[in-house]
Protein backbone atom coordinates (compact mmCIF):
# COMPACT_ATOMS: atom_id res chain seq x y z
CA MET A 1 -0.24 -0.13 0.07
CA VAL A 2 1.37 3.46 -0.87
CA ASP A 3 0.19 6.65 0.59
CA PRO A 4 1.20 9.74 -0.20
CA ALA A 5 -0.20 11.90 2.33
CA SER A 6 -0.12 9.44 5.02
CA GLY A 7 3.31 8.49 4.00
CA ARG A 8 2.06 5.20 4.13
CA ASP A 9 4.34 2.07 2.34
CA GLU A 10 4.03 -1.02 3.35
CA LEU A 11 2.50 -4.47 2.61
CA ALA A 12 -0.63 -4.38 3.93
CA ASP A 13 -4.38 -6.08 3.90
CA VAL A 14 -7.39 -3.92 3.30
CA ALA A 15 -10.94 -4.80 4.61
CA ILE A 16 -13.98 -2.64 2.92
CA ALA A 17 -17.67 -2.73 3.96
CA ALA A 18 -19.97 -0.54 2.53
CA ASP A 19 -18.04 2.56 0.71
CA ARG A 20 -15.72 2.64 3.76
CA ILE A 21 -11.96 1.13 4.49
CA VAL A 22 -12.65 0.02 8.30
CA ALA A 23 -9.77 -1.82 8.74
CA ILE A 24 -6.07 -1.82 7.61
CA SER A 25 -3.35 -4.47 9.06
CA PRO A 26 -0.05 -6.00 8.22
CA ALA A 27 -0.24 -8.42 5.76
CA GLY A 28 -0.18 -11.59 6.86
CA GLY A 29 -0.32 -10.45 10.32
CA ALA A 30 -2.25 -10.95 13.13
CA ALA A 31 -5.47 -8.97 12.78
CA PRO A 32 -6.34 -6.14 15.04
CA ALA A 33 -8.97 -6.66 17.66
CA GLY A 34 -12.52 -5.75 16.69
CA ARG A 35 -11.29 -5.30 12.51
CA LEU A 36 -10.20 -7.86 10.31
CA ARG A 37 -10.52 -10.75 13.30
CA ASP A 38 -13.71 -10.82 12.48
CA PHE A 39 -14.62 -9.21 9.23
CA ASP A 40 -15.91 -11.91 6.93
CA ALA A 41 -15.32 -10.98 3.38
CA GLU A 42 -17.73 -11.71 0.33
CA ARG A 43 -15.27 -11.29 -2.00
CA VAL A 44 -11.09 -10.92 -1.69
CA ILE A 45 -9.09 -9.43 -4.61
CA ASP A 46 -6.05 -11.43 -4.30
CA ALA A 47 -3.34 -7.84 -4.55
CA ALA A 48 0.11 -9.87 -4.45
CA GLY A 49 2.56 -8.51 -6.44
CA LEU A 50 0.06 -5.41 -6.87
CA VAL A 51 0.04 -1.71 -5.39
CA VAL A 52 -2.71 -0.22 -3.73
CA MET A 53 -3.02 3.55 -3.32
CA PRO A 54 -5.67 6.14 -3.04
CA GLY A 55 -7.90 6.42 -6.56
CA LEU A 56 -6.63 8.91 -8.96
CA VAL A 57 -7.97 12.28 -8.77
CA ASP A 58 -7.90 13.98 -12.61
CA LEU A 59 -8.58 18.08 -12.44
CA ALA A 60 -8.92 18.59 -16.48
CA ALA A 61 -10.96 16.01 -17.92
CA ARG A 62 -13.36 16.72 -20.59
CA LEU A 63 -16.37 14.58 -20.76
CA ARG A 64 -18.07 15.72 -23.82
CA GLU A 65 -21.68 15.29 -22.72
CA PRO A 66 -24.17 17.17 -23.42
CA GLY A 67 -23.41 19.03 -26.98
CA HIS A 68 -20.56 16.52 -28.07
CA GLU A 69 -21.71 12.77 -28.10
CA HIS A 70 -20.08 12.15 -31.27
CA GLU A 71 -16.54 12.84 -29.51
CA GLY A 72 -17.20 11.63 -25.91
CA MET A 73 -20.20 9.88 -23.82
CA LEU A 74 -20.53 10.04 -20.34
CA GLU A 75 -20.67 6.51 -20.56
CA SER A 76 -17.06 5.77 -22.35
CA GLU A 77 -15.55 8.56 -21.19
CA LEU A 78 -16.09 7.51 -17.07
CA ALA A 79 -15.39 3.84 -18.19
CA ALA A 80 -11.91 5.35 -19.38
CA ALA A 81 -11.43 7.03 -15.92
CA ALA A 82 -12.09 3.46 -13.89
CA ALA A 83 -9.80 1.96 -16.70
CA GLY A 84 -7.13 4.53 -15.78
CA GLY A 85 -7.51 4.20 -11.97
CA VAL A 86 -9.37 7.24 -11.73
CA THR A 87 -12.16 7.74 -9.33
CA SER A 88 -12.58 11.64 -9.53
CA LEU A 89 -12.38 13.87 -11.68
CA VAL A 90 -12.90 17.70 -12.32
CA CYS A 91 -15.00 18.62 -15.87
CA PRO A 92 -14.52 22.05 -17.50
CA PRO A 93 -18.21 23.70 -17.84
CA ASP A 94 -17.97 24.32 -21.95
CA THR A 95 -20.37 21.50 -22.62
CA ASP A 96 -23.21 22.43 -24.89
CA PRO A 97 -25.73 23.85 -22.96
CA VAL A 98 -23.15 25.48 -21.23
CA LEU A 99 -22.18 24.31 -17.51
CA ASP A 100 -23.97 28.28 -16.39
CA GLU A 101 -27.55 26.78 -14.71
CA PRO A 102 -28.01 24.86 -11.74
CA GLY A 103 -30.15 22.31 -13.05
CA LEU A 104 -27.63 21.53 -15.62
CA VAL A 105 -25.27 20.75 -12.99
CA GLU A 106 -27.11 18.36 -10.87
CA MET A 107 -28.30 16.64 -13.81
CA LEU A 108 -24.61 15.99 -15.17
CA LYS A 109 -23.90 14.95 -11.40
CA PHE A 110 -27.02 12.65 -11.07
CA ARG A 111 -26.02 10.72 -14.41
CA ALA A 112 -22.92 10.37 -13.20
CA ARG A 113 -23.85 9.15 -10.18
CA LYS A 114 -26.16 6.66 -11.42
CA LEU A 115 -23.62 4.57 -13.70
CA SER A 116 -21.35 4.71 -10.55
CA ARG A 117 -17.79 4.52 -12.41
CA CYS A 118 -15.99 7.62 -10.84
CA ARG A 119 -17.19 10.87 -9.15
CA VAL A 120 -17.56 13.62 -11.14
CA PHE A 121 -16.75 17.34 -10.21
CA PRO A 122 -18.45 20.16 -12.32
CA LEU A 123 -16.71 23.53 -13.04
CA GLY A 124 -19.20 26.02 -13.46
CA ALA A 125 -19.18 28.76 -16.06
CA LEU A 126 -17.40 31.78 -14.70
CA THR A 127 -19.53 33.86 -17.42
CA ARG A 128 -23.09 33.24 -18.70
CA ARG A 129 -22.61 31.56 -21.86
CA LEU A 130 -18.81 31.56 -21.13
CA GLU A 131 -19.18 35.49 -23.28
CA GLY A 132 -17.31 37.48 -20.85
CA GLY A 133 -20.10 39.86 -20.18
CA VAL A 134 -22.29 38.52 -17.28
CA LEU A 135 -21.38 36.72 -14.60
CA THR A 136 -23.23 33.64 -13.05
CA GLU A 137 -24.46 32.63 -9.96
CA MET A 138 -21.89 31.35 -7.97
CA ALA A 139 -23.87 30.94 -4.71
CA GLU A 140 -26.60 28.86 -6.89
CA LEU A 141 -24.28 26.87 -8.81
CA THR A 142 -21.97 26.00 -6.16
CA ALA A 143 -25.13 24.60 -4.03
CA ALA A 144 -25.73 22.41 -7.19
CA GLY A 145 -22.25 20.90 -6.75
CA CYS A 146 -19.93 22.46 -8.54
CA VAL A 147 -16.45 22.96 -7.41
CA GLY A 148 -15.47 26.22 -8.40
CA PHE A 149 -15.50 28.35 -11.65
CA SER A 150 -14.12 28.67 -14.88
CA GLN A 151 -13.96 30.17 -18.39
CA ALA A 152 -12.09 26.68 -19.90
CA ASP A 153 -10.29 27.66 -22.89
CA VAL A 154 -12.33 31.09 -23.27
CA ALA A 155 -10.60 34.30 -22.11
CA VAL A 156 -11.84 37.13 -20.51
CA ARG A 157 -10.95 40.30 -22.08
CA ASP A 158 -12.63 42.74 -20.16
CA THR A 159 -10.50 42.89 -17.33
CA HIS A 160 -12.83 44.83 -15.33
CA VAL A 161 -15.69 41.71 -15.44
CA LEU A 162 -12.30 39.42 -14.23
CA MET A 163 -11.72 41.54 -11.33
CA ARG A 164 -15.00 41.43 -10.60
CA ALA A 165 -15.17 38.05 -10.89
CA LEU A 166 -12.54 36.88 -8.71
CA GLN A 167 -13.84 39.67 -6.17
CA TYR A 168 -17.17 37.93 -5.87
CA ALA A 169 -15.30 34.48 -5.59
CA SER A 170 -13.29 35.63 -2.84
CA THR A 171 -16.40 37.17 -0.79
CA PHE A 172 -18.08 33.69 -1.40
CA GLY A 173 -15.25 31.41 -0.60
CA CYS A 174 -14.63 30.26 -4.16
CA THR A 175 -11.79 29.50 -6.53
CA VAL A 176 -11.59 30.56 -9.85
CA TRP A 177 -10.06 28.49 -12.27
CA LEU A 178 -8.32 30.34 -15.11
CA ARG A 179 -6.19 28.83 -18.18
CA PRO A 180 -3.23 31.75 -18.52
CA GLN A 181 -3.22 32.81 -22.53
CA ASP A 182 -3.64 36.24 -23.95
CA PRO A 183 -6.62 35.97 -26.78
CA TRP A 184 -4.52 38.15 -28.86
CA LEU A 185 -1.59 36.39 -29.09
CA GLY A 186 -2.75 32.99 -28.43
CA GLY A 187 -4.09 32.25 -31.58
CA GLY A 188 -1.70 30.06 -33.00
CA VAL A 189 -1.80 26.55 -33.31
CA ALA A 190 2.01 25.43 -32.47
CA ALA A 191 4.82 27.02 -29.82
CA SER A 192 6.78 29.64 -31.36
CA GLY A 193 9.92 28.68 -32.18
CA ALA A 194 12.41 26.66 -34.91
CA VAL A 195 10.20 24.39 -35.19
CA ALA A 196 6.87 26.38 -35.80
CA THR A 197 8.48 28.56 -38.27
CA ARG A 198 10.48 25.85 -40.16
CA LEU A 199 6.40 24.15 -41.23
CA GLY A 200 5.51 27.27 -41.65
CA LEU A 201 2.67 26.92 -38.93
CA SER A 202 1.48 30.26 -37.21
CA GLY A 203 3.13 30.75 -33.34
CA VAL A 204 2.08 31.22 -29.66
CA PRO A 205 4.94 32.80 -28.35
CA VAL A 206 5.77 32.39 -24.15
CA VAL A 207 4.98 35.74 -23.85
CA ALA A 208 0.95 35.06 -24.26
CA GLU A 209 1.47 32.99 -21.18
CA THR A 210 3.21 35.57 -19.12
CA ILE A 211 1.67 38.74 -19.92
CA ALA A 212 -1.89 36.60 -18.22
CA LEU A 213 0.05 35.26 -15.57
CA HIS A 214 1.01 39.17 -14.99
CA GLN A 215 -2.65 40.48 -15.30
CA ILE A 216 -4.20 37.01 -12.77
CA ILE A 217 -1.32 37.45 -10.49
CA GLU A 218 -1.75 40.92 -10.05
CA LEU A 219 -5.65 40.32 -9.44
CA VAL A 220 -4.78 38.26 -6.87
CA ARG A 221 -2.77 40.40 -5.01
CA ALA A 222 -5.64 42.92 -5.18
CA THR A 223 -8.74 40.25 -4.38
CA ARG A 224 -7.01 37.91 -2.77
CA ALA A 225 -9.38 35.32 -4.59
CA ARG A 226 -8.37 31.71 -4.74
CA VAL A 227 -7.19 30.59 -8.52
CA HIS A 228 -6.61 27.73 -9.89
CA LEU A 229 -3.96 27.86 -13.18
CA ALA A 230 -5.07 25.55 -15.75
CA ARG A 231 -2.32 23.71 -17.81
CA LEU A 232 1.27 25.94 -17.15
CA SER A 233 3.26 25.17 -20.62
CA SER A 234 6.58 27.48 -20.22
CA ALA A 235 9.45 27.94 -17.58
CA ALA A 236 8.52 31.68 -17.94
CA GLY A 237 5.17 30.87 -16.85
CA VAL A 238 6.96 28.30 -13.95
CA ALA A 239 8.91 31.17 -12.62
CA LEU A 240 6.23 33.89 -11.99
CA VAL A 241 4.00 30.87 -10.43
CA ARG A 242 7.18 30.01 -8.16
CA ALA A 243 7.31 34.14 -7.10
CA ALA A 244 4.03 34.46 -6.51
CA LYS A 245 3.16 31.28 -4.33
CA ALA A 246 6.69 32.46 -2.33
CA GLU A 247 4.78 35.96 -1.70
CA GLY A 248 2.19 33.81 -0.29
CA LEU A 249 -0.39 34.48 -2.76
CA PRO A 250 -3.06 31.90 -2.51
CA LEU A 251 -2.68 30.06 -6.22
CA THR A 252 -2.12 26.73 -7.16
CA ALA A 253 -1.52 25.13 -10.32
CA ASP A 254 -1.49 22.34 -12.69
CA VAL A 255 0.42 20.84 -16.11
CA SER A 256 -1.01 18.15 -18.57
CA ILE A 257 0.72 14.80 -19.03
CA ASN A 258 1.40 16.35 -23.02
CA SER A 259 3.47 19.23 -21.75
CA LEU A 260 5.45 16.91 -19.11
CA HIS A 261 6.41 14.76 -21.69
CA LEU A 262 6.48 16.32 -25.24
CA THR A 263 8.03 19.09 -26.73
CA ASP A 264 7.26 20.61 -30.33
CA LEU A 265 9.82 18.27 -31.78
CA ASP A 266 7.42 15.68 -31.91
CA ILE A 267 4.66 17.52 -33.96
CA GLY A 268 7.25 15.71 -36.64
CA PHE A 269 5.90 16.06 -40.41
CA PHE A 270 2.38 17.80 -39.38
CA ASN A 271 1.06 15.02 -37.09
CA ALA A 272 -2.19 16.18 -36.13
CA ASP A 273 -2.36 14.03 -32.81
CA MET A 274 -0.20 16.51 -31.38
CA ARG A 275 -1.99 19.23 -32.20
CA LEU A 276 -2.87 20.20 -28.51
CA THR A 277 -4.27 23.32 -26.17
CA PRO A 278 -1.88 24.73 -24.66
CA PRO A 279 0.61 23.99 -27.88
CA LEU A 280 3.56 21.57 -26.90
CA ARG A 281 7.17 24.43 -26.68
CA GLN A 282 10.77 23.44 -26.31
CA GLY A 283 13.03 21.19 -24.53
CA ALA A 284 13.80 23.89 -21.95
CA ASP A 285 10.21 24.06 -20.69
CA ARG A 286 9.45 20.84 -20.43
CA ASP A 287 12.35 20.12 -18.39
CA ALA A 288 11.05 23.32 -15.99
CA LEU A 289 7.76 22.00 -15.80
CA ARG A 290 9.37 18.32 -14.40
CA ALA A 291 11.40 20.16 -12.02
CA ALA A 292 8.44 22.39 -11.09
CA LEU A 293 6.13 19.25 -10.11
CA ALA A 294 8.92 17.82 -8.10
CA ASP A 295 9.58 20.87 -6.16
CA GLY A 296 6.05 21.41 -5.14
CA THR A 297 5.71 24.44 -7.70
CA ILE A 298 3.20 22.99 -10.10
CA ASP A 299 0.58 21.19 -7.49
CA ALA A 300 -1.35 18.62 -9.83
CA LEU A 301 -0.77 16.68 -13.47
CA VAL A 302 -3.59 16.64 -15.32
CA SER A 303 -4.69 13.81 -17.83
CA ASP A 304 -6.47 17.07 -20.04
CA HIS A 305 -8.30 14.18 -21.43
CA ASN A 306 -10.34 15.88 -24.56
CA PRO A 307 -11.34 12.95 -26.73
CA VAL A 308 -11.58 14.38 -30.14
CA ALA A 309 -13.74 12.51 -33.28
CA ASP A 310 -12.02 10.99 -36.30
CA ASP A 311 -13.35 13.33 -38.72
CA MET A 312 -11.86 16.53 -36.40
CA LYS A 313 -8.19 15.23 -36.58
CA HIS A 314 -7.76 13.68 -40.11
CA LEU A 315 -7.42 17.41 -41.27
CA PRO A 316 -3.95 19.55 -42.02
CA PHE A 317 -2.29 20.40 -38.61
CA GLY A 318 -3.52 23.91 -38.34
CA GLU A 319 -7.23 22.71 -39.07
CA ALA A 320 -7.41 19.85 -37.18
CA GLU A 321 -9.36 20.01 -33.39
CA PRO A 322 -7.07 20.23 -30.63
CA GLY A 323 -6.94 17.70 -27.84
CA ALA A 324 -6.17 14.13 -27.12
CA THR A 325 -7.24 10.90 -25.11
CA GLY A 326 -5.71 10.91 -21.95
CA LEU A 327 -7.41 9.40 -18.66
CA GLU A 328 -5.90 6.27 -19.16
CA LEU A 329 -2.20 7.12 -19.48
CA LEU A 330 -2.70 9.26 -16.52
CA LEU A 331 -1.27 7.05 -13.75
CA SER A 332 1.56 5.41 -16.44
CA LEU A 333 2.84 8.93 -17.19
CA ALA A 334 3.00 9.68 -13.76
CA LEU A 335 5.52 6.87 -13.34
CA ARG A 336 7.30 7.52 -16.33
CA TRP A 337 7.53 11.51 -14.79
CA GLY A 338 8.92 9.89 -11.49
CA ARG A 339 11.47 7.43 -12.99
CA ASP A 340 12.93 9.31 -15.86
CA GLY A 341 13.51 11.97 -12.58
CA GLY A 342 14.61 9.14 -9.96
CA LEU A 343 11.90 9.60 -7.85
CA GLY A 344 10.66 7.13 -5.00
CA LEU A 345 7.51 6.19 -5.51
CA PRO A 346 5.19 8.18 -3.27
CA GLN A 347 6.07 11.14 -4.92
CA ALA A 348 5.59 10.48 -8.36
CA LEU A 349 2.02 9.03 -6.96
CA ALA A 350 1.29 12.35 -4.77
CA CYS A 351 0.71 14.56 -8.18
CA VAL A 352 -2.51 12.73 -9.45
CA THR A 353 -3.40 11.97 -5.69
CA GLN A 354 -2.49 14.30 -2.78
CA GLY A 355 -1.71 17.02 -5.25
CA PRO A 356 -5.26 17.47 -6.95
CA VAL A 357 -6.95 17.17 -3.47
CA ARG A 358 -4.92 20.28 -1.81
CA VAL A 359 -5.82 21.83 -4.69
CA LEU A 360 -10.00 20.87 -4.14
CA GLY A 361 -9.61 21.51 -0.18
CA GLY A 362 -13.09 22.04 1.08
CA ALA A 363 -15.05 21.78 -2.38
CA LEU A 364 -14.70 18.15 -1.51
CA GLY A 365 -17.74 18.24 1.08
CA SER A 366 -17.78 14.85 3.00
CA LEU A 367 -14.76 13.53 1.05
CA ALA A 368 -12.35 16.67 2.09
CA GLY A 369 -10.99 13.85 5.01
CA SER A 370 -10.37 10.83 2.79
CA ALA A 371 -10.06 11.76 -1.03
CA GLY A 372 -6.85 10.68 -2.15
CA ARG A 373 -6.28 9.00 1.25
CA LEU A 374 -6.07 5.36 2.85
CA VAL A 375 -6.92 6.09 6.24
CA GLU A 376 -9.09 3.47 8.34
CA GLY A 377 -12.61 4.79 8.14
CA GLY A 378 -12.18 6.60 5.14
CA VAL A 379 -14.26 6.41 1.55
CA ALA A 380 -12.81 3.56 -0.04
CA ASP A 381 -12.02 4.52 -3.28
CA LEU A 382 -8.23 2.65 -4.60
CA CYS A 383 -6.60 1.52 -7.33
CA LEU A 384 -4.42 -1.84 -8.12
CA PHE A 385 -1.70 -1.62 -10.25
CA ASP A 386 1.15 -3.67 -11.63
CA PRO A 387 4.42 -2.10 -10.70
CA GLY A 388 5.89 -4.16 -12.92
CA ALA A 389 4.36 -4.29 -16.31
CA GLU A 390 4.88 -2.22 -19.43
CA TRP A 391 2.39 -1.64 -21.87
CA ALA A 392 2.31 -0.08 -25.48
CA VAL A 393 -0.52 2.59 -26.06
CA ALA A 394 -3.14 0.73 -29.04
CA PRO A 395 -5.58 3.08 -29.72
CA GLU A 396 -8.10 0.96 -30.46
CA ARG A 397 -8.00 -0.86 -27.13
CA LEU A 398 -8.72 2.39 -25.56
CA ARG A 399 -12.22 2.92 -24.04
CA SER A 400 -12.41 6.31 -23.93
CA GLN A 401 -14.64 7.22 -27.34
CA GLY A 402 -11.84 9.59 -28.48
CA ARG A 403 -9.09 7.37 -30.12
CA HIS A 404 -6.57 10.29 -30.67
CA THR A 405 -3.31 10.32 -28.35
CA PRO A 406 0.24 11.41 -28.84
CA PHE A 407 1.66 8.59 -26.68
CA SER A 408 0.09 5.85 -29.17
CA PHE A 409 3.26 3.26 -29.53
CA GLU A 410 2.97 4.12 -33.48
CA SER A 411 3.60 8.07 -33.03
CA SER A 412 5.85 8.02 -29.89
CA GLY A 413 7.40 4.19 -29.52
CA MET A 414 7.08 4.75 -25.92
CA ALA A 415 6.08 2.30 -23.32
CA LEU A 416 4.68 2.93 -20.68
CA PRO A 417 5.01 1.58 -17.20
CA GLY A 418 2.44 0.10 -14.82
CA GLN A 419 -0.92 -1.06 -15.32
CA VAL A 420 -4.05 -0.75 -13.62
CA ARG A 421 -5.49 -4.08 -12.76
CA ALA A 422 -8.51 -2.87 -10.32
CA THR A 423 -10.58 0.01 -9.76
CA LEU A 424 -13.02 0.49 -6.54
CA VAL A 425 -15.47 3.60 -6.77
CA ALA A 426 -17.25 3.68 -3.29
CA GLY A 427 -16.24 0.06 -2.33
CA THR A 428 -18.01 -1.21 -5.51
CA LEU A 429 -15.40 -2.47 -8.30
CA ALA A 430 -15.55 0.12 -11.35
CA HIS A 431 -12.74 -1.77 -13.46
CA GLU A 432 -11.19 -4.57 -13.24
CA ALA A 433 -8.77 -5.89 -15.79
CA GLY A 434 -9.73 -8.89 -17.88
């Protein structure tokens, strides 16, 4: 059992009743009185040789429903989450219709709950229809189940509106999730640099991120609102966030699996699977992101799961829809980052368990004390994986409706470590490998 939050790293047996962990005891040892001694299990999962860890928490996963069912449906995407060991995920509000009304949020949560594959925590729209003009009713959306407020990838162009949104959020104790990219400079399709120039692709300069970060940081200083920075992509952006955190500003940040492992060189000859938002940057940026995740400047690693239909990827690079499937790859790519950096298993797993839970904080409600942890009395959200297994990503075998990923073995030649064998959500087996 490995639990970064509690420091647990030991051989143990786990007893689960209803939706809770009722006992944890040394493997093969005497059961604690009143705990495992009289525990009569209906089913025993033999996890010998496996790692049992808290279920993964993914802070960025588009489910594509409602409105984009041709690219993904709740059934397929939550099955992908369970197959990846993800037991809780946060979805952005850019569905169709946009999640700007309590009824829409409640319906999404109800449908996800009926499927019993993964806990879904929606972000509400920061402005009506994500148009950047009129603020949504944050208090009502919070009561309906939203864990924060976001514009997804749509920037708020009016600084006055953004400041009012942060003031409102600060008053009600809400967190605003923003992706830092200047709307006027961020219209390209690849990161500015030698690769984009050679391929004739329109570029997105690093200053598109840093200008937006400067604006957000100044507004946080003025309002003291909690802001989560979604998907940092540059070394310069990391430096700004590190300084702001050292100052004590209430900021958290995440990075996508794509930016953590890939660079603009991976675009190759216009491989549309590498058409991503934010765009892949240079090696120095990737290295800075890896170091920032290791030292805690970046709080969480996210899948940035965004399934895209074939007809929107089988286009010239500049016209292809950005996005890739990632839920089933999150654990393995966290392990690969840890292995490449010489980190221990607990630190590698912290960025997909303890870190994301820290970002969500009190928004988890009744789960706040046990999500992302293995504790007696805590919720039984578990991932069991084989740390010695390696696998090659074959898109046709993914459970997500979106089959496009930059990590397919054909594109990357990359074998991934660690394979999920079982996932439990609230004590129920949500996935078991065949």
